[in-house]
C-alpha atoms as a PDB file:
ATOM      1  CA  MET A   1     233.489-112.500  62.063  1.00  0.00           C
ATOM      2  CA  ASN A   2     231.365-109.533  61.097  1.00  0.00           C
ATOM      3  CA  ALA A   3     229.212-109.399  57.954  1.00  0.00           C
ATOM      4  CA  ARG A   4     231.991-107.855  55.841  1.00  0.00           C
ATOM      5  CA  GLU A   5     234.522-110.533  56.823  1.00  0.00           C
ATOM      6  CA  ARG A   6     232.039-113.330  56.139  1.00  0.00           C
ATOM      7  CA  MET A   7     231.256-111.920  52.674  1.00  0.00           C
ATOM      8  CA  LEU A   8     234.952-111.581  51.793  1.00  0.00           C
ATOM      9  CA  ALA A   9     235.638-115.088  53.037  1.00  0.00           C
ATOM     10  CA  ARG A  10     232.918-116.512  50.778  1.00  0.00           C
ATOM     11  CA  LEU A  11     234.310-114.596  47.794  1.00  0.00           C
ATOM     12  CA  ARG A  12     237.840-115.848  48.432  1.00  0.00           C
ATOM     13  CA  ALA A  13     236.614-119.412  48.782  1.00  0.00           C
ATOM     14  CA  ALA A  14     234.704-119.182  45.506  1.00  0.00           C
ATOM     15  CA  ALA A  15     237.568-117.562  43.572  1.00  0.00           C
ATOM     16  CA  PRO A  16     239.005-119.792  40.825  1.00  0.00           C
ATOM     17  CA  SER A  17     242.523-121.052  41.249  1.00  0.00           C
ATOM     18  CA  VAL A  18     245.336-119.545  39.205  1.00  0.00           C
ATOM     19  CA  VAL A  19     245.716-121.220  35.828  1.00  0.00           C
ATOM     20  CA  ALA A  20     249.186-122.564  35.137  1.00  0.00           C
ATOM     21  CA  PRO A  21     250.998-121.192  32.044  1.00  0.00           C
ATOM     22  CA  GLU A  22     250.987-124.608  30.370  1.00  0.00           C
ATOM     23  CA  ASP A  23     247.192-124.768  30.824  1.00  0.00           C
ATOM     24  CA  ILE A  24     246.833-121.347  29.197  1.00  0.00           C
ATOM     25  CA  ASP A  25     248.801-122.582  26.180  1.00  0.00           C
ATOM     26  CA  THR A  26     246.526-125.615  25.931  1.00  0.00           C
ATOM     27  CA  ILE A  27     243.418-123.435  26.084  1.00  0.00           C
ATOM     28  CA  ASP A  28     244.834-121.136  23.389  1.00  0.00           C
ATOM     29  CA  GLN A  29     245.527-124.109  21.143  1.00  0.00           C
ATOM     30  CA  CYS A  30     241.978-125.421  21.600  1.00  0.00           C
ATOM     31  CA  ILE A  31     240.519-122.022  20.703  1.00  0.00           C
ATOM     32  CA  ASP A  32     242.754-121.706  17.630  1.00  0.00           C
ATOM     33  CA  SER A  33     241.808-125.213  16.511  1.00  0.00           C
ATOM     34  CA  HIS A  34     238.102-124.464  16.903  1.00  0.00           C
ATOM     35  CA  TYR A  35     238.255-121.373  14.694  1.00  0.00           C
ATOM     36  CA  ASP A  36     240.556-122.968  12.146  1.00  0.00           C
ATOM     37  CA  ASN A  37     238.266-125.977  11.696  1.00  0.00           C
ATOM     38  CA  ARG A  38     234.862-124.378  11.880  1.00  0.00           C
ATOM     39  CA  CYS A  39     232.701-124.726   8.783  1.00  0.00           C
ATOM     40  CA  ASP A  40     230.814-121.439   8.827  1.00  0.00           C
ATOM     41  CA  GLY A  41     232.250-118.052   7.904  1.00  0.00           C
ATOM     42  CA  LEU A  42     235.341-117.233   5.929  1.00  0.00           C
ATOM     43  CA  PRO A  43     238.394-119.487   6.233  1.00  0.00           C
ATOM     44  CA  HIS A  44     241.466-117.859   7.723  1.00  0.00           C
ATOM     45  CA  ALA A  45     243.347-118.632   4.533  1.00  0.00           C
ATOM     46  CA  ALA A  46     240.886-116.686   2.360  1.00  0.00           C
ATOM     47  CA  GLY A  47     242.585-114.515  -0.235  1.00  0.00           C
ATOM     48  CA  MET A  48     242.591-110.761   0.052  1.00  0.00           C
ATOM     49  CA  GLN A  49     240.033-110.355  -2.717  1.00  0.00           C
ATOM     50  CA  ALA A  50     237.592-112.704  -0.941  1.00  0.00           C
ATOM     51  CA  LEU A  51     238.002-110.710   2.274  1.00  0.00           C
ATOM     52  CA  VAL A  52     237.367-107.438   0.440  1.00  0.00           C
ATOM     53  CA  GLU A  53     234.209-108.813  -1.160  1.00  0.00           C
ATOM     54  CA  ALA A  54     232.927-110.192   2.142  1.00  0.00           C
ATOM     55  CA  LEU A  55     233.627-106.929   3.976  1.00  0.00           C
ATOM     56  CA  GLN A  56     231.792-104.957   1.311  1.00  0.00           C
ATOM     57  CA  ILE A  57     228.747-107.234   1.453  1.00  0.00           C
ATOM     58  CA  ALA A  58     228.555-107.126   5.255  1.00  0.00           C
ATOM     59  CA  LEU A  59     228.989-103.352   5.469  1.00  0.00           C
ATOM     60  CA  THR A  60     226.418-102.718   2.753  1.00  0.00           C
ATOM     61  CA  ALA A  61     223.951-104.912   4.621  1.00  0.00           C
ATOM     62  CA  SER A  62     224.534-102.699   7.676  1.00  0.00           C
ATOM     63  CA  HIS A  63     223.544 -99.565   5.755  1.00  0.00           C
ATOM     64  CA  ALA A  64     227.095 -98.342   5.078  1.00  0.00           C
ATOM     65  CA  GLN A  65     228.300 -97.023   1.726  1.00  0.00           C
ATOM     66  CA  VAL A  66     231.396 -98.814   0.464  1.00  0.00           C
ATOM     67  CA  LEU A  67     233.871 -97.340  -2.018  1.00  0.00           C
ATOM     68  CA  ARG A  68     236.829 -99.186  -3.503  1.00  0.00           C
ATOM     69  CA  ALA A  69     239.944 -97.425  -4.672  1.00  0.00           C
ATOM     70  CA  THR A  70     243.711 -97.529  -5.039  1.00  0.00           C
ATOM     71  CA  GLU A  71     246.333 -95.581  -3.120  1.00  0.00           C
ATOM     72  CA  ARG A  72     246.394 -93.001  -5.895  1.00  0.00           C
ATOM     73  CA  SER A  73     242.676 -92.597  -6.417  1.00  0.00           C
ATOM     74  CA  TRP A  74     241.141 -92.575  -2.932  1.00  0.00           C
ATOM     75  CA  PRO A  75     241.867 -88.912  -1.973  1.00  0.00           C
ATOM     76  CA  GLY A  76     240.240 -87.621  -5.150  1.00  0.00           C
ATOM     77  CA  LEU A  77     237.333 -90.028  -4.751  1.00  0.00           C
ATOM     78  CA  ILE A  78     236.568 -88.858  -1.222  1.00  0.00           C
ATOM     79  CA  ALA A  79     236.988 -85.207  -2.221  1.00  0.00           C
ATOM     80  CA  GLN A  80     234.519 -85.688  -5.059  1.00  0.00           C
ATOM     81  CA  ARG A  81     231.984 -87.403  -2.819  1.00  0.00           C
ATOM     82  CA  LEU A  82     232.288 -84.690  -0.162  1.00  0.00           C
ATOM     83  CA  GLU A  83     231.679 -81.991  -2.746  1.00  0.00           C
ATOM     84  CA  GLU A  84     228.657 -83.839  -4.160  1.00  0.00           C
ATOM     85  CA  ALA A  85     227.245 -84.286  -0.650  1.00  0.00           C
ATOM     86  CA  LYS A  86     227.722 -80.553   0.011  1.00  0.00           C
ATOM     87  CA  VAL A  87     229.908 -81.212   3.032  1.00  0.00           C
ATOM     88  CA  LYS A  88     231.378 -77.922   4.236  1.00  0.00           C
ATOM     89  CA  ARG A  89     233.625 -78.863   7.159  1.00  0.00           C
ATOM     90  CA  VAL A  90     235.494 -82.133   7.646  1.00  0.00           C
ATOM     91  CA  LEU A  91     237.490 -83.185  10.707  1.00  0.00           C
ATOM     92  CA  PHE A  92     240.660 -85.289  10.400  1.00  0.00           C
ATOM     93  CA  ASP A  93     244.284 -85.552  11.471  1.00  0.00           C
ATOM     94  CA  PRO A  94     246.380 -83.636   8.898  1.00  0.00           C
ATOM     95  CA  SER A  95     249.669 -84.808  10.427  1.00  0.00           C
ATOM     96  CA  GLY A  96     249.279 -88.378   9.167  1.00  0.00           C
ATOM     97  CA  LYS A  97     250.037 -89.614   5.658  1.00  0.00           C
ATOM     98  CA  GLU A  98     246.390 -90.141   4.784  1.00  0.00           C
ATOM     99  CA  GLY A  99     245.311 -86.845   6.335  1.00  0.00           C
ATOM    100  CA  ALA A 100     247.908 -84.925   4.345  1.00  0.00           C
ATOM    101  CA  ALA A 101     246.785 -86.617   1.113  1.00  0.00           C
ATOM    102  CA  LEU A 102     243.131 -85.837   1.779  1.00  0.00           C
ATOM    103  CA  LYS A 103     243.848 -82.214   2.668  1.00  0.00           C
ATOM    104  CA  GLN A 104     245.674 -81.730  -0.624  1.00  0.00           C
ATOM    105  CA  ALA A 105     242.770 -83.211  -2.603  1.00  0.00           C
ATOM    106  CA  LEU A 106     239.934 -81.278  -0.941  1.00  0.00           C
ATOM    107  CA  PRO A 107     238.125 -78.700  -3.089  1.00  0.00           C
ATOM    108  CA  SER A 108     237.916 -75.094  -1.919  1.00  0.00           C
ATOM    109  CA  SER A 109     234.298 -75.639  -0.860  1.00  0.00           C
ATOM    110  CA  VAL A 110     235.334 -78.129   1.859  1.00  0.00           C
ATOM    111  CA  GLU A 111     237.077 -76.685   4.904  1.00  0.00           C
ATOM    112  CA  PRO A 112     239.550 -78.988   6.730  1.00  0.00           C
ATOM    113  CA  HIS A 113     239.704 -79.007  10.528  1.00  0.00           C
ATOM    114  CA  ALA A 114     242.100 -80.689  12.931  1.00  0.00           C
ATOM    115  CA  TYR A 115     241.280 -81.882  16.428  1.00  0.00           C
ATOM    116  CA  ASP A 116     243.858 -79.580  18.024  1.00  0.00           C
ATOM    117  CA  ARG A 117     241.906 -78.099  20.944  1.00  0.00           C
ATOM    118  CA  ALA A 118     240.413 -79.388  24.163  1.00  0.00           C
ATOM    119  CA  ILE A 119     236.778 -80.331  23.672  1.00  0.00           C
ATOM    120  CA  GLU A 120     235.696 -77.832  26.338  1.00  0.00           C
ATOM    121  CA  VAL A 121     237.004 -75.000  24.152  1.00  0.00           C
ATOM    122  CA  TRP A 122     235.074 -75.840  21.001  1.00  0.00           C
ATOM    123  CA  LYS A 123     232.358 -78.287  22.012  1.00  0.00           C
ATOM    124  CA  SER A 124     229.519 -76.227  20.510  1.00  0.00           C
ATOM    125  CA  GLU A 125     231.428 -75.708  17.259  1.00  0.00           C
ATOM    126  CA  LEU A 126     232.258 -79.406  17.035  1.00  0.00           C
ATOM    127  CA  PHE A 127     228.695 -80.605  17.596  1.00  0.00           C
ATOM    128  CA  GLU A 128     226.966 -77.930  15.538  1.00  0.00           C
ATOM    129  CA  THR A 129     229.196 -77.160  12.546  1.00  0.00           C
ATOM    130  CA  ILE A 130     231.416 -80.174  11.713  1.00  0.00           C
ATOM    131  CA  ASP A 131     229.766 -82.179   8.928  1.00  0.00           C
ATOM    132  CA  ALA A 132     232.112 -85.174   8.651  1.00  0.00           C
ATOM    133  CA  GLY A 133     234.961 -86.960  10.379  1.00  0.00           C
ATOM    134  CA  PHE A 134     237.686 -88.956   8.599  1.00  0.00           C
ATOM    135  CA  THR A 135     239.624 -91.763  10.284  1.00  0.00           C
ATOM    136  CA  VAL A 136     242.012 -94.520   9.196  1.00  0.00           C
ATOM    137  CA  ALA A 137     241.104 -97.969  10.487  1.00  0.00           C
ATOM    138  CA  ARG A 138     243.782-100.162  11.994  1.00  0.00           C
ATOM    139  CA  SER A 139     242.216-103.225  10.350  1.00  0.00           C
ATOM    140  CA  GLY A 140     238.916-104.865   9.437  1.00  0.00           C
ATOM    141  CA  MET A 141     236.954-108.089  10.019  1.00  0.00           C
ATOM    142  CA  ALA A 142     235.375-109.339   6.819  1.00  0.00           C
ATOM    143  CA  SER A 143     232.791-111.793   8.138  1.00  0.00           C
ATOM    144  CA  THR A 144     231.022-109.187  10.278  1.00  0.00           C
ATOM    145  CA  GLY A 145     231.836-106.032   8.308  1.00  0.00           C
ATOM    146  CA  THR A 146     233.651-104.521  11.271  1.00  0.00           C
ATOM    147  CA  LEU A 147     236.361-101.875  11.283  1.00  0.00           C
ATOM    148  CA  VAL A 148     238.947-101.713  14.066  1.00  0.00           C
ATOM    149  CA  ILE A 149     239.850 -98.109  14.888  1.00  0.00           C
ATOM    150  CA  GLU A 150     242.580 -97.206  17.366  1.00  0.00           C
ATOM    151  CA  PRO A 151     242.022 -93.638  18.601  1.00  0.00           C
ATOM    152  CA  ASP A 152     244.972 -91.401  19.424  1.00  0.00           C
ATOM    153  CA  ALA A 153     245.594 -87.741  20.216  1.00  0.00           C
ATOM    154  CA  GLY A 154     245.218 -86.651  16.582  1.00  0.00           C
ATOM    155  CA  SER A 155     242.195 -88.875  15.909  1.00  0.00           C
ATOM    156  CA  PRO A 156     240.294 -89.282  19.183  1.00  0.00           C
ATOM    157  CA  ARG A 157     237.174 -91.391  19.495  1.00  0.00           C
ATOM    158  CA  THR A 158     235.084 -88.223  19.163  1.00  0.00           C
ATOM    159  CA  MET A 159     236.162 -87.924  15.533  1.00  0.00           C
ATOM    160  CA  SER A 160     234.234 -91.053  14.523  1.00  0.00           C
ATOM    161  CA  LEU A 161     231.362 -90.521  16.943  1.00  0.00           C
ATOM    162  CA  VAL A 162     230.198 -86.891  16.839  1.00  0.00           C
ATOM    163  CA  PRO A 163     230.039 -85.773  13.161  1.00  0.00           C
ATOM    164  CA  PRO A 164     226.882 -86.924  11.315  1.00  0.00           C
ATOM    165  CA  LEU A 165     229.050 -88.494   8.604  1.00  0.00           C
ATOM    166  CA  HIS A 166     231.940 -90.838   9.406  1.00  0.00           C
ATOM    167  CA  ILE A 167     234.397 -91.643   6.595  1.00  0.00           C
ATOM    168  CA  ALA A 168     236.705 -94.564   7.372  1.00  0.00           C
ATOM    169  CA  LEU A 169     239.615 -95.754   5.251  1.00  0.00           C
ATOM    170  CA  VAL A 170     240.833 -99.335   5.550  1.00  0.00           C
ATOM    171  CA  TYR A 171     243.608-101.028   3.580  1.00  0.00           C
ATOM    172  CA  ALA A 172     242.726-104.310   1.900  1.00  0.00           C
ATOM    173  CA  ASP A 173     245.880-106.002   3.180  1.00  0.00           C
ATOM    174  CA  ARG A 174     244.802-105.244   6.751  1.00  0.00           C
ATOM    175  CA  LEU A 175     241.634-107.329   6.565  1.00  0.00           C
ATOM    176  CA  HIS A 176     241.060-110.472   8.620  1.00  0.00           C
ATOM    177  CA  ALA A 177     238.372-113.129   8.482  1.00  0.00           C
ATOM    178  CA  ASP A 178     236.937-112.443  11.938  1.00  0.00           C
ATOM    179  CA  LEU A 179     237.721-111.180  15.437  1.00  0.00           C
ATOM    180  CA  HIS A 180     239.763-114.236  16.390  1.00  0.00           C
ATOM    181  CA  ALA A 181     241.888-113.958  13.240  1.00  0.00           C
ATOM    182  CA  ALA A 182     242.464-110.241  13.888  1.00  0.00           C
ATOM    183  CA  MET A 183     243.483-110.821  17.504  1.00  0.00           C
ATOM    184  CA  ARG A 184     245.891-113.587  16.524  1.00  0.00           C
ATOM    185  CA  ALA A 185     247.447-111.824  13.504  1.00  0.00           C
ATOM    186  CA  GLU A 186     247.874-108.512  15.325  1.00  0.00           C
ATOM    187  CA  GLN A 187     249.023-110.209  18.550  1.00  0.00           C
ATOM    188  CA  TRP A 188     246.576-108.439  20.812  1.00  0.00           C
ATOM    189  CA  ALA A 189     247.589-110.752  23.668  1.00  0.00           C
ATOM    190  CA  SER A 190     251.065-109.203  23.649  1.00  0.00           C
ATOM    191  CA  GLY A 191     249.714-105.762  24.464  1.00  0.00           C
ATOM    192  CA  MET A 192     246.152-104.574  24.141  1.00  0.00           C
ATOM    193  CA  PRO A 193     245.759-100.917  23.145  1.00  0.00           C
ATOM    194  CA  THR A 194     244.196 -98.618  25.712  1.00  0.00           C
ATOM    195  CA  ASN A 195     241.143 -98.128  23.523  1.00  0.00           C
ATOM    196  CA  LEU A 196     239.805 -99.812  20.401  1.00  0.00           C
ATOM    197  CA  VAL A 197     236.603 -98.809  18.603  1.00  0.00           C
ATOM    198  CA  LEU A 198     234.753-101.469  16.596  1.00  0.00           C
ATOM    199  CA  VAL A 199     232.519 -99.987  13.878  1.00  0.00           C
ATOM    200  CA  SER A 200     230.071-102.132  11.908  1.00  0.00           C
ATOM    201  CA  GLY A 201     227.822 -99.481  10.382  1.00  0.00           C
ATOM    202  CA  PRO A 202     226.214 -96.123  11.127  1.00  0.00           C
ATOM    203  CA  SER A 203     224.663 -95.522  14.517  1.00  0.00           C
ATOM    204  CA  LYS A 204     221.231 -97.092  14.810  1.00  0.00           C
ATOM    205  CA  THR A 205     218.644 -97.851  17.452  1.00  0.00           C
ATOM    206  CA  SER A 206     215.085 -99.114  17.741  1.00  0.00           C
ATOM    207  CA  ASP A 207     212.467 -97.918  20.208  1.00  0.00           C
ATOM    208  CA  ILE A 208     209.870-100.079  21.905  1.00  0.00           C
ATOM    209  CA  GLN A 209     207.793-100.027  18.710  1.00  0.00           C
ATOM    210  CA  GLN A 210     210.780-101.491  16.809  1.00  0.00           C
ATOM    211  CA  THR A 211     211.151 -98.427  14.598  1.00  0.00           C
ATOM    212  CA  LEU A 212     214.717 -98.359  13.293  1.00  0.00           C
ATOM    213  CA  ALA A 213     216.346 -94.914  13.439  1.00  0.00           C
ATOM    214  CA  TYR A 214     219.839 -93.931  12.320  1.00  0.00           C
ATOM    215  CA  GLY A 215     222.077 -91.350  13.974  1.00  0.00           C
ATOM    216  CA  ALA A 216     220.618 -91.475  17.471  1.00  0.00           C
ATOM    217  CA  HIS A 217     223.907 -92.157  19.265  1.00  0.00           C
ATOM    218  CA  GLY A 218     226.499 -91.431  16.581  1.00  0.00           C
ATOM    219  CA  PRO A 219     226.901 -90.758  12.839  1.00  0.00           C
ATOM    220  CA  ARG A 220     223.872 -91.185  10.588  1.00  0.00           C
ATOM    221  CA  GLU A 221     226.072 -92.170   7.660  1.00  0.00           C
ATOM    222  CA  LEU A 222     229.180 -94.312   7.267  1.00  0.00           C
ATOM    223  CA  TRP A 223     231.365 -94.297   4.170  1.00  0.00           C
ATOM    224  CA  VAL A 224     234.038 -96.984   4.075  1.00  0.00           C
ATOM    225  CA  VAL A 225     236.835 -96.692   1.528  1.00  0.00           C
ATOM    226  CA  ILE A 226     238.645 -99.982   0.928  1.00  0.00           C
ATOM    227  CA  VAL A 227     242.073 -99.182  -0.475  1.00  0.00           C
ATOM    228  CA  GLU A 228     244.240-101.639  -2.357  1.00  0.00           C
ATOM    229  CA  ARG A 229     247.897-100.686  -2.321  1.00  0.00           C
ATOM    230  CA  GLU A 230     249.631-100.126  -5.627  1.00  0.00           C
ATOM    231  CA  GLY A 231     252.191-102.818  -4.864  1.00  0.00           C
ATOM    232  CA  ASP A 232     249.651-105.589  -4.277  1.00  0.00           C
ATOM    233  CA  ALA A 233     249.712-108.417  -6.784  1.00  0.00           C
ATOM    234  CA  GLN A 234     245.936-108.453  -7.196  1.00  0.00           C
ATOM    235  CA  VAL A 235     244.045-105.711  -8.955  1.00  0.00           C
ATOM    236  CA  LEU A 236     240.621-104.572  -7.860  1.00  0.00           C
ATOM    237  CA  ALA A 237     238.073-106.539  -9.830  1.00  0.00           C
ATOM    238  CA  LYS A 238     235.343-103.999  -9.196  1.00  0.00           C
ATOM    239  CA  ARG A 239     235.181-100.320  -8.407  1.00  0.00           C
ATOM    240  CA  ASP A 240     232.103 -98.430  -7.337  1.00  0.00           C
ATOM    241  CA  PRO A 241     232.664 -94.670  -7.369  1.00  0.00           C
ATOM    242  CA  ALA A 242     228.932 -94.029  -7.205  1.00  0.00           C
END
């Protein structure tokens, strides 16, 4: 045997055996039991209002700005905040329900843009002139203040990464206690998306002197709008339009 054959033989000998399906089920049950019975963090059975409050606290601690609104009020709220922040150009997918609502609410001073060209065609314009990007989160994890974003052709990953301001909308009824709860409720095991982006605050980094800087590898600011649907039984206990 040459060196290559000896190396491959050692790797094959060290490879774990295939786990039987019944063993996988047992492992899954043990993991579920661990998370269901753990004492720290939010319980999986926490009410929607408790999840909203926890998400807001965690995101605020991560230097994000959190707004709370209803299905009717959120487009006007974002439009108002964009105008106050003197945002001139905002990037979003106008073909979706939320994008269409935001486009209708924008004041004349804010110019809407769609991601409808290859990045090679407008890379300079994208990096130099777009002030904000708007995305709709697939869901959220309350205990860590994390948003789950599933990029697609209309809202690619670039939309939440390149503009200096990222605005993310998440529905209150799409919140989970933690990553395990999200994976189980959304059945990730049945078919993982090609790409998921987990966002827990604006981009930040620290150099060797431990100086915290925002915006080094992504947006400097993150606005998260938590939206409670009009049909939900609970009513928002607090609203913070400021």
